[in-house]
Amino acid sequence: MKLSLIINTNDPEKAWNGFRLAVASTLAGHEVKVFLLGSGVEVENIQEGTFNVRAEMEKFLEVGGEILACGTCLKIRQQKEGLCPISTMNDLVKLIEVSDKVVVIG
């Protein structure tokens, strides 16, 4: 199955669980891509107690996942490209079109 996760939050626990789901789904044999949108583009820098989001992001990339980030959202927050390449709404549209399931976390 092709699964897309849209993370539209910088809430540490929600983002952490989103990436845990992404890792588990990838390990279960699914093709998974994550798109960071809105405040979700801030998650790379979250390391709050139990919720080390960056570590989960790195695990996801290690198991073959792909992360994209909204370029406009990064620009609004004056952030630069990090673990994931800068993408556009057109990229998000294409991602949704080819997905069997889309999950929004936020």
N, C-alpha and C. Protein backbone atom coordinates (compact mmCIF):
# COMPACT_ATOMS: atom_id res chain seq x y z
N MET A 1 0.84 -1.17 0.00
CA MET A 1 0.00 0.00 0.00
C MET A 1 0.89 1.24 0.00
N LYS A 2 0.43 2.26 -0.71
CA LYS A 2 1.11 3.56 -0.69
C LYS A 2 0.39 4.44 0.32
N LEU A 3 1.13 4.81 1.36
CA LEU A 3 0.57 5.58 2.46
C LEU A 3 1.27 6.93 2.54
N SER A 4 0.47 7.98 2.66
CA SER A 4 1.02 9.33 2.86
C SER A 4 0.56 9.86 4.20
N LEU A 5 1.50 10.40 4.96
CA LEU A 5 1.19 11.05 6.23
C LEU A 5 1.45 12.54 6.06
N ILE A 6 0.48 13.33 6.41
CA ILE A 6 0.65 14.78 6.40
C ILE A 6 0.71 15.20 7.86
N ILE A 7 1.85 15.73 8.26
CA ILE A 7 2.01 16.19 9.64
C ILE A 7 1.89 17.70 9.64
N ASN A 8 0.82 18.18 10.27
CA ASN A 8 0.48 19.60 10.27
C ASN A 8 0.41 20.10 11.72
N THR A 9 1.45 19.75 12.50
CA THR A 9 1.50 20.17 13.89
C THR A 9 2.95 20.16 14.36
N ASN A 10 3.23 21.01 15.34
CA ASN A 10 4.53 20.95 15.99
C ASN A 10 4.39 20.43 17.43
N ASP A 11 3.24 19.83 17.72
CA ASP A 11 3.02 19.20 19.02
C ASP A 11 3.96 18.00 19.12
N PRO A 12 4.84 17.98 20.13
CA PRO A 12 5.85 16.92 20.20
C PRO A 12 5.29 15.50 20.18
N GLU A 13 4.28 15.23 20.98
CA GLU A 13 3.75 13.87 21.05
C GLU A 13 3.07 13.45 19.76
N LYS A 14 2.30 14.34 19.16
CA LYS A 14 1.61 14.00 17.91
C LYS A 14 2.61 13.76 16.78
N ALA A 15 3.61 14.62 16.65
CA ALA A 15 4.61 14.46 15.59
C ALA A 15 5.42 13.18 15.82
N TRP A 16 5.80 12.92 17.06
CA TRP A 16 6.56 11.72 17.41
C TRP A 16 5.77 10.46 17.05
N ASN A 17 4.49 10.44 17.42
CA ASN A 17 3.65 9.29 17.08
C ASN A 17 3.44 9.17 15.58
N GLY A 18 3.36 10.29 14.88
CA GLY A 18 3.24 10.24 13.42
C GLY A 18 4.43 9.54 12.79
N PHE A 19 5.63 9.89 13.25
CA PHE A 19 6.82 9.25 12.69
C PHE A 19 6.98 7.81 13.16
N ARG A 20 6.50 7.49 14.36
CA ARG A 20 6.49 6.10 14.80
C ARG A 20 5.59 5.28 13.88
N LEU A 21 4.43 5.83 13.53
CA LEU A 21 3.52 5.15 12.59
C LEU A 21 4.20 4.99 11.23
N ALA A 22 4.90 6.02 10.79
CA ALA A 22 5.59 5.96 9.49
C ALA A 22 6.64 4.86 9.49
N VAL A 23 7.41 4.75 10.57
CA VAL A 23 8.43 3.71 10.67
C VAL A 23 7.78 2.33 10.68
N ALA A 24 6.76 2.14 11.51
CA ALA A 24 6.09 0.84 11.61
C ALA A 24 5.47 0.44 10.28
N SER A 25 4.88 1.38 9.59
CA SER A 25 4.24 1.09 8.30
C SER A 25 5.28 0.70 7.25
N THR A 26 6.39 1.39 7.25
CA THR A 26 7.47 1.07 6.30
C THR A 26 8.03 -0.31 6.59
N LEU A 27 8.25 -0.61 7.86
CA LEU A 27 8.76 -1.93 8.22
C LEU A 27 7.77 -3.04 7.91
N ALA A 28 6.48 -2.70 7.84
CA ALA A 28 5.45 -3.67 7.48
C ALA A 28 5.35 -3.86 5.96
N GLY A 29 6.19 -3.16 5.22
CA GLY A 29 6.25 -3.35 3.78
C GLY A 29 5.50 -2.33 2.95
N HIS A 30 5.00 -1.29 3.57
CA HIS A 30 4.27 -0.27 2.83
C HIS A 30 5.22 0.82 2.35
N GLU A 31 4.86 1.46 1.25
CA GLU A 31 5.61 2.61 0.75
C GLU A 31 5.03 3.85 1.43
N VAL A 32 5.87 4.52 2.22
CA VAL A 32 5.38 5.63 3.03
C VAL A 32 6.15 6.91 2.74
N LYS A 33 5.39 8.00 2.59
CA LYS A 33 5.98 9.33 2.45
C LYS A 33 5.30 10.25 3.46
N VAL A 34 6.10 11.15 4.01
CA VAL A 34 5.58 12.12 4.97
C VAL A 34 5.75 13.52 4.38
N PHE A 35 4.68 14.31 4.48
CA PHE A 35 4.73 15.70 4.03
C PHE A 35 4.51 16.58 5.26
N LEU A 36 5.48 17.46 5.52
CA LEU A 36 5.37 18.40 6.63
C LEU A 36 4.73 19.68 6.13
N LEU A 37 3.68 20.10 6.82
CA LEU A 37 2.87 21.24 6.39
C LEU A 37 2.61 22.15 7.59
N GLY A 38 2.49 23.45 7.36
CA GLY A 38 2.22 24.38 8.44
C GLY A 38 3.28 24.28 9.52
N SER A 39 2.83 24.28 10.77
CA SER A 39 3.80 24.20 11.87
C SER A 39 4.52 22.85 11.91
N GLY A 40 4.07 21.90 11.11
CA GLY A 40 4.75 20.62 11.01
C GLY A 40 6.18 20.71 10.52
N VAL A 41 6.50 21.79 9.79
CA VAL A 41 7.88 21.94 9.30
C VAL A 41 8.86 22.20 10.45
N GLU A 42 8.35 22.47 11.63
CA GLU A 42 9.20 22.74 12.79
C GLU A 42 9.61 21.48 13.54
N VAL A 43 9.07 20.33 13.20
CA VAL A 43 9.24 19.13 14.01
C VAL A 43 10.67 18.60 14.07
N GLU A 44 11.47 18.90 13.08
CA GLU A 44 12.84 18.39 13.06
C GLU A 44 13.63 18.85 14.29
N ASN A 45 13.28 19.96 14.84
CA ASN A 45 14.02 20.52 15.97
C ASN A 45 13.42 20.17 17.33
N ILE A 46 12.41 19.30 17.34
CA ILE A 46 11.76 18.96 18.61
C ILE A 46 12.49 17.81 19.29
N GLN A 47 12.92 18.06 20.50
CA GLN A 47 13.49 17.02 21.36
C GLN A 47 13.04 17.36 22.76
N GLU A 48 11.86 16.90 23.09
CA GLU A 48 11.23 17.26 24.36
C GLU A 48 11.00 16.01 25.19
N GLY A 49 11.89 15.77 26.13
CA GLY A 49 11.74 14.61 27.01
C GLY A 49 11.63 13.32 26.23
N THR A 50 10.51 12.65 26.39
CA THR A 50 10.24 11.37 25.74
C THR A 50 10.14 11.51 24.23
N PHE A 51 9.78 12.69 23.76
CA PHE A 51 9.41 12.87 22.35
C PHE A 51 10.56 13.45 21.52
N ASN A 52 11.51 12.59 21.19
CA ASN A 52 12.63 13.00 20.35
C ASN A 52 12.22 12.77 18.89
N VAL A 53 11.58 13.77 18.32
CA VAL A 53 11.01 13.65 16.98
C VAL A 53 12.11 13.46 15.94
N ARG A 54 13.19 14.21 16.08
CA ARG A 54 14.28 14.08 15.10
C ARG A 54 14.79 12.64 15.03
N ALA A 55 14.92 11.97 16.17
CA ALA A 55 15.39 10.59 16.18
C ALA A 55 14.43 9.68 15.42
N GLU A 56 13.11 9.91 15.58
CA GLU A 56 12.13 9.11 14.84
C GLU A 56 12.19 9.43 13.34
N MET A 57 12.43 10.69 13.01
CA MET A 57 12.57 11.06 11.60
C MET A 57 13.77 10.34 10.99
N GLU A 58 14.87 10.31 11.71
CA GLU A 58 16.07 9.64 11.21
C GLU A 58 15.83 8.14 11.04
N LYS A 59 15.11 7.52 12.00
CA LYS A 59 14.76 6.10 11.86
C LYS A 59 13.94 5.88 10.59
N PHE A 60 12.96 6.77 10.36
CA PHE A 60 12.10 6.65 9.18
C PHE A 60 12.93 6.72 7.90
N LEU A 61 13.85 7.65 7.84
CA LEU A 61 14.71 7.76 6.65
C LEU A 61 15.61 6.53 6.50
N GLU A 62 16.10 6.00 7.61
CA GLU A 62 16.97 4.82 7.58
C GLU A 62 16.26 3.59 7.04
N VAL A 63 14.95 3.47 7.31
CA VAL A 63 14.21 2.30 6.83
C VAL A 63 13.64 2.51 5.42
N GLY A 64 13.99 3.64 4.80
CA GLY A 64 13.60 3.86 3.41
C GLY A 64 12.46 4.82 3.18
N GLY A 65 12.03 5.53 4.22
CA GLY A 65 10.96 6.51 4.06
C GLY A 65 11.43 7.78 3.38
N GLU A 66 10.49 8.59 2.99
CA GLU A 66 10.79 9.86 2.34
C GLU A 66 9.99 10.96 3.04
N ILE A 67 10.67 12.09 3.31
CA ILE A 67 10.04 13.23 3.96
C ILE A 67 10.15 14.44 3.04
N LEU A 68 9.04 15.14 2.88
CA LEU A 68 8.99 16.37 2.11
C LEU A 68 8.49 17.49 3.02
N ALA A 69 8.91 18.72 2.75
CA ALA A 69 8.47 19.85 3.58
C ALA A 69 7.99 20.99 2.69
N CYS A 70 6.91 21.63 3.09
CA CYS A 70 6.34 22.76 2.36
C CYS A 70 7.32 23.93 2.38
N GLY A 71 7.78 24.33 1.22
CA GLY A 71 8.73 25.43 1.12
C GLY A 71 8.17 26.75 1.61
N THR A 72 6.91 27.02 1.32
CA THR A 72 6.28 28.25 1.77
C THR A 72 6.21 28.28 3.29
N CYS A 73 5.87 27.15 3.89
CA CYS A 73 5.76 27.06 5.35
C CYS A 73 7.14 27.26 6.00
N LEU A 74 8.18 26.71 5.37
CA LEU A 74 9.54 26.91 5.88
C LEU A 74 9.92 28.39 5.80
N LYS A 75 9.60 29.00 4.68
CA LYS A 75 9.95 30.41 4.47
C LYS A 75 9.24 31.31 5.49
N ILE A 76 7.96 31.07 5.71
CA ILE A 76 7.19 31.86 6.68
C ILE A 76 7.86 31.79 8.06
N ARG A 77 8.39 30.62 8.41
CA ARG A 77 9.01 30.41 9.72
C ARG A 77 10.50 30.67 9.71
N GLN A 78 11.01 31.18 8.60
CA GLN A 78 12.43 31.50 8.42
C GLN A 78 13.32 30.30 8.74
N GLN A 79 12.92 29.15 8.23
CA GLN A 79 13.69 27.93 8.42
C GLN A 79 14.27 27.49 7.09
N LYS A 80 15.36 26.74 7.17
CA LYS A 80 16.02 26.23 5.98
C LYS A 80 15.74 24.74 5.83
N GLU A 81 16.04 24.26 4.66
CA GLU A 81 15.90 22.82 4.38
C GLU A 81 16.75 22.03 5.37
N GLY A 82 16.19 20.95 5.90
CA GLY A 82 16.91 20.12 6.86
C GLY A 82 17.00 18.69 6.36
N LEU A 83 16.40 17.77 7.12
CA LEU A 83 16.41 16.35 6.75
C LEU A 83 15.60 16.08 5.50
N CYS A 84 14.73 16.99 5.14
CA CYS A 84 13.84 16.74 4.01
C CYS A 84 13.94 17.86 2.98
N PRO A 85 13.75 17.51 1.72
CA PRO A 85 13.82 18.52 0.67
C PRO A 85 12.61 19.45 0.68
N ILE A 86 12.85 20.65 0.18
CA ILE A 86 11.78 21.63 0.06
C ILE A 86 10.83 21.20 -1.06
N SER A 87 9.54 21.27 -0.78
CA SER A 87 8.53 20.87 -1.75
C SER A 87 7.47 21.94 -1.88
N THR A 88 6.49 21.67 -2.75
CA THR A 88 5.44 22.64 -3.04
C THR A 88 4.07 22.00 -2.86
N MET A 89 3.05 22.83 -2.96
CA MET A 89 1.68 22.30 -2.93
C MET A 89 1.44 21.35 -4.10
N ASN A 90 2.06 21.63 -5.23
CA ASN A 90 1.92 20.72 -6.38
C ASN A 90 2.47 19.34 -6.04
N ASP A 91 3.58 19.31 -5.29
CA ASP A 91 4.13 18.02 -4.86
C ASP A 91 3.16 17.30 -3.92
N LEU A 92 2.50 18.06 -3.05
CA LEU A 92 1.52 17.47 -2.14
C LEU A 92 0.33 16.91 -2.92
N VAL A 93 -0.12 17.64 -3.91
CA VAL A 93 -1.23 17.17 -4.75
C VAL A 93 -0.86 15.84 -5.41
N LYS A 94 0.34 15.76 -5.99
CA LYS A 94 0.79 14.52 -6.64
C LYS A 94 0.89 13.38 -5.63
N LEU A 95 1.38 13.69 -4.44
CA LEU A 95 1.50 12.69 -3.39
C LEU A 95 0.14 12.11 -3.04
N ILE A 96 -0.84 12.97 -2.88
CA ILE A 96 -2.20 12.53 -2.56
C ILE A 96 -2.79 11.71 -3.70
N GLU A 97 -2.56 12.14 -4.93
CA GLU A 97 -3.12 11.44 -6.10
C GLU A 97 -2.64 9.99 -6.20
N VAL A 98 -1.38 9.74 -5.84
CA VAL A 98 -0.83 8.39 -6.01
C VAL A 98 -0.97 7.52 -4.77
N SER A 99 -1.49 8.08 -3.69
CA SER A 99 -1.60 7.34 -2.42
C SER A 99 -2.86 6.50 -2.38
N ASP A 100 -2.72 5.35 -1.73
CA ASP A 100 -3.90 4.53 -1.45
C ASP A 100 -4.64 5.07 -0.22
N LYS A 101 -3.87 5.58 0.73
CA LYS A 101 -4.44 6.14 1.96
C LYS A 101 -3.65 7.38 2.32
N VAL A 102 -4.36 8.38 2.88
CA VAL A 102 -3.73 9.60 3.36
C VAL A 102 -4.18 9.81 4.81
N VAL A 103 -3.21 9.99 5.70
CA VAL A 103 -3.50 10.22 7.10
C VAL A 103 -2.97 11.61 7.45
N VAL A 104 -3.82 12.42 8.09
CA VAL A 104 -3.40 13.76 8.50
C VAL A 104 -3.27 13.76 10.01
N ILE A 105 -2.11 14.19 10.46
CA ILE A 105 -1.83 14.29 11.89
C ILE A 105 -1.67 15.76 12.22
N GLY A 106 -2.54 16.24 13.07
CA GLY A 106 -2.47 17.67 13.41
C GLY A 106 -3.77 18.13 13.80
